[in-house]
Amino acid sequence: MLNIVIFGAPGSGKGTQSDLLISKYGLKHVSTGEILRSEIKAGTELGKTADRYISKGELVPDEIVIGMLEEVILKNMDKKGFIFDGFPRTLPQGEALDNMLKKNSMAISSVLSLEVRDEELTDRLLKRGQLSGRSDDNGETIASRLRVYHQQTEPLKEYYARQGKLVDIPGEGAIDEVFNSIVEVIDSLTGGANG
């Protein structure tokens, strides 16, 4: 089973590359934001618990998020693997994800870190804000999101590097160039047997 964590700062192209990987390799997209929204909408116990935190503007505790991820994984064991997008974001989440996967006789295959300079990320997000009208894509918010990424999420890179799973992918080329770099990494893991 191919389990990929796609990693990168806001604006690094995680969503775009995730979509391409899903269609090429038949992976199940695991986005914690989507899972939380669907659990809340479905009115599950986990969803109700999560909603209590979200409605107060608080972060949903890691153990609740991990519980939701585990349910999604167990329901989709027929897939060729999973792509984790937007999770883990902190060291404790990385450890919790590893433990949950291990409990289910699985592991992360590779962690793909899309490397993009902060100036480029800021430019991309400002352009996206102008095109899409997303109010969170403004200079002040972008600077804050990048700060949070560097402080909380970047330490995960060292955690995965120690496991020998971290692969830095240059993320500033054209979308298909970045994708081809990722495909090379994944094909080296799978012996080229894709899709």
Protein backbone atom coordinates (compact mmCIF):
# COMPACT_ATOMS: atom_id res chain seq x y z
CA MET A 1 0.00 0.00 0.00
CA LEU A 2 1.34 3.41 -1.01
CA ASN A 3 0.89 6.00 1.75
CA ILE A 4 2.16 9.46 0.86
CA VAL A 5 2.26 12.60 2.98
CA ILE A 6 2.37 15.72 0.81
CA PHE A 7 3.97 18.53 2.61
CA GLY A 8 4.59 22.19 1.95
CA ALA A 9 3.80 25.73 2.95
CA PRO A 10 0.52 27.41 1.96
CA GLY A 11 0.68 28.08 -1.78
CA SER A 12 3.28 25.38 -2.50
CA GLY A 13 0.87 23.46 -4.74
CA LYS A 14 -0.11 20.58 -2.42
CA GLY A 15 -3.72 20.48 -3.61
CA THR A 16 -2.82 20.57 -7.30
CA GLN A 17 -0.18 17.85 -6.97
CA SER A 18 -2.47 15.72 -4.76
CA ASP A 19 -5.15 15.75 -7.47
CA LEU A 20 -2.63 14.63 -10.12
CA LEU A 21 -1.29 11.85 -7.87
CA ILE A 22 -4.77 10.60 -7.04
CA SER A 23 -5.68 10.19 -10.70
CA LYS A 24 -2.33 8.59 -11.66
CA TYR A 25 -1.97 6.13 -8.78
CA GLY A 26 -5.56 5.50 -7.64
CA LEU A 27 -4.90 6.84 -4.14
CA LYS A 28 -7.57 7.93 -1.67
CA HIS A 29 -7.28 11.63 -0.84
CA VAL A 30 -7.30 12.16 2.91
CA SER A 31 -7.87 15.81 3.78
CA THR A 32 -8.59 16.46 7.44
CA GLY A 33 -10.63 19.57 6.59
CA GLU A 34 -12.92 17.61 4.26
CA ILE A 35 -13.25 14.76 6.77
CA LEU A 36 -14.19 17.13 9.59
CA ARG A 37 -16.80 18.87 7.42
CA SER A 38 -18.37 15.59 6.27
CA GLU A 39 -18.44 14.10 9.81
CA ILE A 40 -20.11 17.26 11.12
CA LYS A 41 -22.59 17.27 8.24
CA ALA A 42 -23.40 13.59 8.82
CA GLY A 43 -23.95 14.26 12.52
CA THR A 44 -21.66 11.43 13.70
CA GLU A 45 -20.49 11.35 17.33
CA LEU A 46 -17.00 12.40 16.22
CA GLY A 47 -18.53 15.14 14.09
CA LYS A 48 -20.60 16.47 17.00
CA THR A 49 -17.52 16.48 19.24
CA ALA A 50 -15.44 18.23 16.58
CA ASP A 51 -18.20 20.80 15.98
CA ARG A 52 -18.15 21.78 19.67
CA TYR A 53 -14.50 22.84 19.29
CA ILE A 54 -14.87 24.46 15.87
CA SER A 55 -17.93 26.50 16.88
CA LYS A 56 -15.84 28.03 19.70
CA GLY A 57 -13.04 28.83 17.24
CA GLU A 58 -10.77 26.19 18.79
CA LEU A 59 -8.66 23.54 17.07
CA VAL A 60 -10.04 20.01 17.12
CA PRO A 61 -7.80 17.88 19.40
CA ASP A 62 -5.39 15.53 17.62
CA GLU A 63 -6.93 12.37 19.07
CA ILE A 64 -10.32 13.23 17.54
CA VAL A 65 -8.74 13.96 14.15
CA ILE A 66 -6.72 10.72 14.31
CA GLY A 67 -9.93 8.81 15.17
CA MET A 68 -11.59 10.25 12.06
CA LEU A 69 -8.57 9.44 9.88
CA GLU A 70 -8.56 5.87 11.14
CA GLU A 71 -12.23 5.45 10.24
CA VAL A 72 -11.61 6.75 6.71
CA ILE A 73 -8.61 4.43 6.27
CA LEU A 74 -10.43 1.36 7.53
CA LYS A 75 -13.39 2.09 5.22
CA ASN A 76 -11.06 2.40 2.20
CA MET A 77 -8.74 -0.58 2.56
CA ASP A 78 -9.57 -1.55 -1.05
CA LYS A 79 -7.66 1.52 -2.32
CA LYS A 80 -4.06 1.33 -3.53
CA GLY A 81 -3.02 3.73 -0.80
CA PHE A 82 -3.62 7.14 0.71
CA ILE A 83 -2.37 10.65 0.18
CA PHE A 84 -2.40 12.76 3.35
CA ASP A 85 -2.89 16.43 2.53
CA GLY A 86 -2.76 19.03 5.30
CA PHE A 87 -2.02 16.45 7.99
CA PRO A 88 0.14 16.03 9.94
CA ARG A 89 0.90 19.67 10.70
CA THR A 90 2.75 19.25 14.00
CA LEU A 91 5.23 16.77 15.48
CA PRO A 92 2.65 15.21 17.86
CA GLN A 93 0.30 14.70 14.85
CA GLY A 94 3.13 13.01 12.91
CA GLU A 95 3.79 10.64 15.80
CA ALA A 96 0.07 9.95 16.29
CA LEU A 97 -0.37 9.21 12.56
CA ASP A 98 2.60 6.80 12.61
CA ASN A 99 1.20 5.01 15.68
CA MET A 100 -2.29 4.71 14.19
CA LEU A 101 -0.95 3.34 10.90
CA LYS A 102 1.35 0.90 12.72
CA LYS A 103 -1.62 -0.36 14.75
CA ASN A 104 -3.29 -1.16 11.40
CA SER A 105 -0.12 -2.79 9.95
CA MET A 106 0.63 0.18 7.69
CA ALA A 107 3.25 2.90 7.45
CA ILE A 108 4.02 6.11 5.59
CA SER A 109 5.85 5.20 2.35
CA SER A 110 7.25 8.66 1.61
CA VAL A 111 6.93 12.29 2.63
CA LEU A 112 7.09 14.66 -0.33
CA SER A 113 8.07 18.17 0.70
CA LEU A 114 7.31 20.81 -1.93
CA GLU A 115 10.10 23.38 -1.53
CA VAL A 116 9.16 26.92 -2.52
CA ARG A 117 10.77 30.20 -1.36
CA ASP A 118 8.61 32.45 0.85
CA GLU A 119 8.68 35.30 -1.72
CA GLU A 120 7.31 32.96 -4.40
CA LEU A 121 4.66 31.59 -2.00
CA THR A 122 3.55 35.13 -1.14
CA ASP A 123 3.31 36.05 -4.84
CA ARG A 124 1.31 32.92 -5.63
CA LEU A 125 -1.12 33.43 -2.74
CA LEU A 126 -1.64 37.12 -3.53
CA LYS A 127 -2.40 36.22 -7.17
CA ARG A 128 -4.75 33.43 -6.03
CA GLY A 129 -6.52 35.92 -3.76
CA GLN A 130 -7.01 38.35 -6.67
CA LEU A 131 -8.34 35.58 -8.94
CA SER A 132 -10.53 33.73 -6.47
CA GLY A 133 -11.48 36.51 -4.11
CA ARG A 134 -10.32 34.42 -1.14
CA SER A 135 -10.18 36.90 1.73
CA ASP A 136 -7.47 34.92 3.57
CA ASP A 137 -5.04 35.44 0.67
CA ASN A 138 -3.88 38.93 1.71
CA GLY A 139 -0.38 40.10 2.72
CA GLU A 140 -0.92 40.10 6.49
CA THR A 141 -2.67 36.73 6.66
CA ILE A 142 -0.16 35.13 4.29
CA ALA A 143 2.78 36.29 6.45
CA SER A 144 1.05 34.86 9.53
CA ARG A 145 0.29 31.52 7.81
CA LEU A 146 3.90 31.18 6.64
CA ARG A 147 5.17 31.97 10.16
CA VAL A 148 2.93 29.24 11.63
CA TYR A 149 4.11 26.80 8.95
CA HIS A 150 7.80 27.47 9.70
CA GLN A 151 7.31 27.25 13.48
CA GLN A 152 4.92 24.30 13.78
CA THR A 153 5.08 22.24 10.60
CA GLU A 154 8.69 22.47 9.42
CA PRO A 155 10.02 20.54 12.46
CA LEU A 156 8.18 17.52 11.01
CA LYS A 157 10.67 17.51 8.14
CA GLU A 158 13.46 16.48 10.50
CA TYR A 159 11.23 13.81 12.07
CA TYR A 160 10.61 12.19 8.67
CA ALA A 161 14.22 12.77 7.53
CA ARG A 162 15.40 10.69 10.52
CA GLN A 163 13.10 7.89 9.29
CA GLY A 164 14.62 8.18 5.81
CA LYS A 165 11.22 9.04 4.31
CA LEU A 166 11.60 12.74 3.48
CA VAL A 167 12.11 13.72 -0.16
CA ASP A 168 12.50 17.41 -1.03
CA ILE A 169 10.80 18.26 -4.33
CA PRO A 170 11.67 21.56 -6.06
CA GLY A 171 8.24 23.21 -6.16
CA GLU A 172 8.89 26.32 -8.23
CA GLY A 173 8.80 24.88 -11.76
CA ALA A 174 5.79 24.37 -14.00
CA ILE A 175 3.07 22.10 -12.55
CA ASP A 176 3.99 19.20 -14.83
CA GLU A 177 7.72 19.54 -14.03
CA VAL A 178 6.97 19.32 -10.31
CA PHE A 179 4.63 16.38 -10.93
CA ASN A 180 7.27 14.54 -12.99
CA SER A 181 9.75 14.94 -10.10
CA ILE A 182 7.17 13.43 -7.73
CA VAL A 183 6.38 10.57 -10.13
CA GLU A 184 10.10 9.67 -10.28
CA VAL A 185 10.17 9.38 -6.49
CA ILE A 186 6.97 7.30 -6.29
CA ASP A 187 7.99 5.04 -9.17
CA SER A 188 11.30 4.38 -7.42
CA LEU A 189 9.29 3.25 -4.36
CA THR A 190 6.91 1.06 -6.35
CA GLY A 191 9.37 -0.25 -8.91
CA GLY A 192 7.56 1.74 -11.61
CA ALA A 193 4.30 -0.21 -11.22
CA ASN A 194 1.79 2.61 -11.33
CA GLY A 195 -1.95 3.09 -11.72
